[in-house]
PDB file of N, CA and C in Angstrom:
ATOM      1  N   MET A   1      15.817   8.545  11.097  1.00  0.00           N
ATOM      2  CA  MET A   1      14.427   8.203  11.033  1.00  0.00           C
ATOM      3  C   MET A   1      14.323   6.623  11.333  1.00  0.00           C
ATOM      4  N   GLU A   2      13.436   6.412  12.224  1.00  0.00           N
ATOM      5  CA  GLU A   2      13.180   5.038  12.541  1.00  0.00           C
ATOM      6  C   GLU A   2      12.189   4.243  11.602  1.00  0.00           C
ATOM      7  N   THR A   3      12.298   3.055  11.496  1.00  0.00           N
ATOM      8  CA  THR A   3      11.255   2.215  10.722  1.00  0.00           C
ATOM      9  C   THR A   3      10.629   1.238  11.700  1.00  0.00           C
ATOM     10  N   ASN A   4       9.429   0.990  11.374  1.00  0.00           N
ATOM     11  CA  ASN A   4       8.632  -0.069  12.122  1.00  0.00           C
ATOM     12  C   ASN A   4       8.798  -1.316  11.429  1.00  0.00           C
ATOM     13  N   GLN A   5       9.607  -2.284  11.984  1.00  0.00           N
ATOM     14  CA  GLN A   5       9.780  -3.579  11.232  1.00  0.00           C
ATOM     15  C   GLN A   5       8.738  -4.523  11.477  1.00  0.00           C
ATOM     16  N   SER A   6       7.719  -4.117  12.402  1.00  0.00           N
ATOM     17  CA  SER A   6       6.518  -5.139  12.677  1.00  0.00           C
ATOM     18  C   SER A   6       5.666  -5.158  11.484  1.00  0.00           C
ATOM     19  N   ASN A   7       5.580  -4.167  10.719  1.00  0.00           N
ATOM     20  CA  ASN A   7       4.623  -4.107   9.442  1.00  0.00           C
ATOM     21  C   ASN A   7       5.473  -3.785   8.324  1.00  0.00           C
ATOM     22  N   PRO A   8       6.311  -4.571   7.702  1.00  0.00           N
ATOM     23  CA  PRO A   8       7.084  -4.391   6.577  1.00  0.00           C
ATOM     24  C   PRO A   8       6.326  -4.072   5.293  1.00  0.00           C
ATOM     25  N   ILE A   9       6.754  -3.329   4.385  1.00  0.00           N
ATOM     26  CA  ILE A   9       6.182  -3.064   3.095  1.00  0.00           C
ATOM     27  C   ILE A   9       6.667  -4.019   2.128  1.00  0.00           C
ATOM     28  N   SER A  10       5.716  -4.583   1.291  1.00  0.00           N
ATOM     29  CA  SER A  10       6.186  -5.483   0.204  1.00  0.00           C
ATOM     30  C   SER A  10       5.595  -5.099  -1.120  1.00  0.00           C
ATOM     31  N   TYR A  11       6.128  -5.656  -2.229  1.00  0.00           N
ATOM     32  CA  TYR A  11       5.484  -5.357  -3.504  1.00  0.00           C
ATOM     33  C   TYR A  11       5.581  -6.536  -4.413  1.00  0.00           C
ATOM     34  N   GLU A  12       4.661  -6.434  -5.478  1.00  0.00           N
ATOM     35  CA  GLU A  12       4.667  -7.318  -6.565  1.00  0.00           C
ATOM     36  C   GLU A  12       4.630  -6.504  -7.827  1.00  0.00           C
ATOM     37  N   ARG A  13       5.286  -7.053  -8.778  1.00  0.00           N
ATOM     38  CA  ARG A  13       5.385  -6.529 -10.190  1.00  0.00           C
ATOM     39  C   ARG A  13       4.456  -7.206 -11.137  1.00  0.00           C
ATOM     40  N   HIS A  14       3.604  -6.508 -11.870  1.00  0.00           N
ATOM     41  CA  HIS A  14       2.866  -7.179 -12.857  1.00  0.00           C
ATOM     42  C   HIS A  14       2.932  -6.182 -14.239  1.00  0.00           C
ATOM     43  N   GLY A  15       3.698  -6.531 -15.127  1.00  0.00           N
ATOM     44  CA  GLY A  15       4.073  -5.722 -16.253  1.00  0.00           C
ATOM     45  C   GLY A  15       4.545  -4.324 -15.682  1.00  0.00           C
ATOM     46  N   ASN A  16       4.047  -3.238 -16.130  1.00  0.00           N
ATOM     47  CA  ASN A  16       4.513  -2.046 -15.720  1.00  0.00           C
ATOM     48  C   ASN A  16       3.801  -1.402 -14.393  1.00  0.00           C
ATOM     49  N   LEU A  17       3.060  -2.317 -13.741  1.00  0.00           N
ATOM     50  CA  LEU A  17       2.550  -1.895 -12.554  1.00  0.00           C
ATOM     51  C   LEU A  17       3.145  -2.628 -11.408  1.00  0.00           C
ATOM     52  N   ILE A  18       3.363  -1.872 -10.216  1.00  0.00           N
ATOM     53  CA  ILE A  18       4.001  -2.342  -8.965  1.00  0.00           C
ATOM     54  C   ILE A  18       2.878  -2.103  -7.906  1.00  0.00           C
ATOM     55  N   TYR A  19       2.406  -3.192  -7.253  1.00  0.00           N
ATOM     56  CA  TYR A  19       1.437  -3.221  -6.245  1.00  0.00           C
ATOM     57  C   TYR A  19       2.224  -3.229  -4.864  1.00  0.00           C
ATOM     58  N   CYS A  20       1.951  -2.223  -4.113  1.00  0.00           N
ATOM     59  CA  CYS A  20       2.601  -1.991  -2.828  1.00  0.00           C
ATOM     60  C   CYS A  20       1.698  -2.464  -1.648  1.00  0.00           C
ATOM     61  N   TYR A  21       2.144  -3.307  -0.799  1.00  0.00           N
ATOM     62  CA  TYR A  21       1.343  -3.911   0.305  1.00  0.00           C
ATOM     63  C   TYR A  21       2.025  -3.653   1.658  1.00  0.00           C
ATOM     64  N   LEU A  22       1.232  -3.488   2.667  1.00  0.00           N
ATOM     65  CA  LEU A  22       1.661  -3.507   4.030  1.00  0.00           C
ATOM     66  C   LEU A  22       1.228  -4.845   4.590  1.00  0.00           C
ATOM     67  N   GLU A  23       2.264  -5.646   5.020  1.00  0.00           N
ATOM     68  CA  GLU A  23       2.351  -6.885   5.640  1.00  0.00           C
ATOM     69  C   GLU A  23       1.640  -6.717   7.149  1.00  0.00           C
ATOM     70  N   GLN A  24       0.511  -7.449   7.317  1.00  0.00           N
ATOM     71  CA  GLN A  24       0.025  -7.321   8.650  1.00  0.00           C
ATOM     72  C   GLN A  24       0.063  -8.646   9.371  1.00  0.00           C
ATOM     73  N   SER A  25      -0.351  -8.751  10.517  1.00  0.00           N
ATOM     74  CA  SER A  25      -0.245  -9.896  11.439  1.00  0.00           C
ATOM     75  C   SER A  25      -1.240 -11.168  10.803  1.00  0.00           C
ATOM     76  N   GLY A  26      -0.956 -12.346  11.091  1.00  0.00           N
ATOM     77  CA  GLY A  26      -1.742 -13.304  10.681  1.00  0.00           C
ATOM     78  C   GLY A  26      -1.430 -13.625   9.119  1.00  0.00           C
ATOM     79  N   GLY A  27      -0.498 -13.128   8.581  1.00  0.00           N
ATOM     80  CA  GLY A  27      -0.226 -13.356   7.102  1.00  0.00           C
ATOM     81  C   GLY A  27      -1.126 -12.581   6.141  1.00  0.00           C
ATOM     82  N   LYS A  28      -1.757 -11.636   6.605  1.00  0.00           N
ATOM     83  CA  LYS A  28      -2.635 -10.779   5.860  1.00  0.00           C
ATOM     84  C   LYS A  28      -1.735  -9.581   5.117  1.00  0.00           C
ATOM     85  N   ARG A  29      -2.328  -9.141   4.008  1.00  0.00           N
ATOM     86  CA  ARG A  29      -1.595  -8.008   3.377  1.00  0.00           C
ATOM     87  C   ARG A  29      -2.712  -7.046   3.008  1.00  0.00           C
ATOM     88  N   LYS A  30      -2.382  -5.659   3.145  1.00  0.00           N
ATOM     89  CA  LYS A  30      -3.294  -4.656   2.798  1.00  0.00           C
ATOM     90  C   LYS A  30      -2.565  -3.835   1.705  1.00  0.00           C
ATOM     91  N   LEU A  31      -3.387  -3.507   0.490  1.00  0.00           N
ATOM     92  CA  LEU A  31      -2.938  -2.948  -0.639  1.00  0.00           C
ATOM     93  C   LEU A  31      -2.932  -1.527  -0.183  1.00  0.00           C
ATOM     94  N   ILE A  32      -1.738  -0.805  -0.370  1.00  0.00           N
ATOM     95  CA  ILE A  32      -1.647   0.585   0.065  1.00  0.00           C
ATOM     96  C   ILE A  32      -1.468   1.445  -1.237  1.00  0.00           C
ATOM     97  N   GLY A  33      -1.155   0.938  -2.281  1.00  0.00           N
ATOM     98  CA  GLY A  33      -0.887   1.755  -3.459  1.00  0.00           C
ATOM     99  C   GLY A  33      -0.450   0.937  -4.679  1.00  0.00           C
ATOM    100  N   VAL A  34      -0.513   1.598  -5.856  1.00  0.00           N
ATOM    101  CA  VAL A  34      -0.121   1.070  -7.148  1.00  0.00           C
ATOM    102  C   VAL A  34       0.749   1.993  -7.819  1.00  0.00           C
ATOM    103  N   ILE A  35       1.835   1.769  -8.357  1.00  0.00           N
ATOM    104  CA  ILE A  35       2.689   2.574  -9.088  1.00  0.00           C
ATOM    105  C   ILE A  35       2.733   2.139 -10.602  1.00  0.00           C
ATOM    106  N   ASN A  36       2.400   2.981 -11.458  1.00  0.00           N
ATOM    107  CA  ASN A  36       2.385   2.732 -12.892  1.00  0.00           C
ATOM    108  C   ASN A  36       3.781   3.347 -13.455  1.00  0.00           C
ATOM    109  N   GLU A  37       4.731   2.392 -13.791  1.00  0.00           N
ATOM    110  CA  GLU A  37       6.008   2.893 -14.239  1.00  0.00           C
ATOM    111  C   GLU A  37       5.984   3.611 -15.578  1.00  0.00           C
ATOM    112  N   SER A  38       5.034   3.214 -16.441  1.00  0.00           N
ATOM    113  CA  SER A  38       4.992   3.814 -17.777  1.00  0.00           C
ATOM    114  C   SER A  38       4.460   5.167 -17.676  1.00  0.00           C
ATOM    115  N   THR A  39       3.678   5.545 -16.794  1.00  0.00           N
ATOM    116  CA  THR A  39       2.911   6.837 -16.737  1.00  0.00           C
ATOM    117  C   THR A  39       3.684   7.666 -15.496  1.00  0.00           C
ATOM    118  N   GLY A  40       4.298   7.041 -14.562  1.00  0.00           N
ATOM    119  CA  GLY A  40       4.863   7.668 -13.584  1.00  0.00           C
ATOM    120  C   GLY A  40       3.796   8.311 -12.394  1.00  0.00           C
ATOM    121  N   HIS A  41       2.528   7.519 -12.561  1.00  0.00           N
ATOM    122  CA  HIS A  41       1.643   7.889 -11.579  1.00  0.00           C
ATOM    123  C   HIS A  41       1.627   6.927 -10.389  1.00  0.00           C
ATOM    124  N   LEU A  42       1.223   7.358  -9.228  1.00  0.00           N
ATOM    125  CA  LEU A  42       1.013   6.699  -8.034  1.00  0.00           C
ATOM    126  C   LEU A  42      -0.540   6.659  -7.799  1.00  0.00           C
ATOM    127  N   GLN A  43      -1.162   5.596  -7.425  1.00  0.00           N
ATOM    128  CA  GLN A  43      -2.500   5.400  -6.958  1.00  0.00           C
ATOM    129  C   GLN A  43      -2.383   5.145  -5.497  1.00  0.00           C
ATOM    130  N   LYS A  44      -2.820   5.847  -4.599  1.00  0.00           N
ATOM    131  CA  LYS A  44      -2.824   5.513  -3.129  1.00  0.00           C
ATOM    132  C   LYS A  44      -4.269   5.120  -2.775  1.00  0.00           C
ATOM    133  N   ASN A  45      -4.416   4.065  -1.971  1.00  0.00           N
ATOM    134  CA  ASN A  45      -5.619   3.652  -1.516  1.00  0.00           C
ATOM    135  C   ASN A  45      -5.700   4.036  -0.037  1.00  0.00           C
ATOM    136  N   ILE A  46      -6.973   4.706   0.177  1.00  0.00           N
ATOM    137  CA  ILE A  46      -7.199   5.125   1.579  1.00  0.00           C
ATOM    138  C   ILE A  46      -8.717   4.744   1.796  1.00  0.00           C
ATOM    139  N   ALA A  47      -8.815   3.873   3.075  1.00  0.00           N
ATOM    140  CA  ALA A  47     -10.164   3.525   3.445  1.00  0.00           C
ATOM    141  C   ALA A  47     -10.822   4.704   4.314  1.00  0.00           C
ATOM    142  N   THR A  48     -11.782   5.341   3.577  1.00  0.00           N
ATOM    143  CA  THR A  48     -12.348   6.539   4.284  1.00  0.00           C
ATOM    144  C   THR A  48     -13.026   6.280   5.461  1.00  0.00           C
ATOM    145  N   THR A  49     -13.595   4.998   5.586  1.00  0.00           N
ATOM    146  CA  THR A  49     -14.309   4.690   6.788  1.00  0.00           C
ATOM    147  C   THR A  49     -13.433   4.481   7.969  1.00  0.00           C
ATOM    148  N   ALA A  50     -12.120   4.137   7.790  1.00  0.00           N
ATOM    149  CA  ALA A  50     -11.220   4.026   8.802  1.00  0.00           C
ATOM    150  C   ALA A  50     -10.357   5.354   9.078  1.00  0.00           C
ATOM    151  N   HIS A  51     -10.475   6.282   8.215  1.00  0.00           N
ATOM    152  CA  HIS A  51      -9.622   7.362   8.510  1.00  0.00           C
ATOM    153  C   HIS A  51     -10.434   8.820   8.666  1.00  0.00           C
ATOM    154  N   PHE A  52     -11.712   8.755   8.286  1.00  0.00           N
ATOM    155  CA  PHE A  52     -12.500   9.995   8.334  1.00  0.00           C
ATOM    156  C   PHE A  52     -13.833   9.772   9.256  1.00  0.00           C
ATOM    157  N   GLN A  53     -14.190  10.856   9.877  1.00  0.00           N
ATOM    158  CA  GLN A  53     -15.301  10.718  10.741  1.00  0.00           C
ATOM    159  C   GLN A  53     -16.457  11.651   9.943  1.00  0.00           C
ATOM    160  N   LYS A  54     -17.722  11.128  10.165  1.00  0.00           N
ATOM    161  CA  LYS A  54     -18.746  11.874   9.576  1.00  0.00           C
ATOM    162  C   LYS A  54     -19.119  13.087  10.603  1.00  0.00           C
ATOM    163  N   ILE A  55     -19.417  14.248   9.946  1.00  0.00           N
ATOM    164  CA  ILE A  55     -19.646  15.612  10.809  1.00  0.00           C
ATOM    165  C   ILE A  55     -21.167  15.862  10.724  1.00  0.00           C
TER     166      ILE A  55
END
């Protein structure tokens, strides 16, 4: 399995929450999800305007 090193993933911890980011060019970061360690839940962020077309 190959990994794309041009857009690495980073994270920040705030208590029991772990914020996962995709590092983008120009020093920008995009939030891609939040993991709640106390409940074991993952909240995934999807920009519907970027990924879905109107029918």
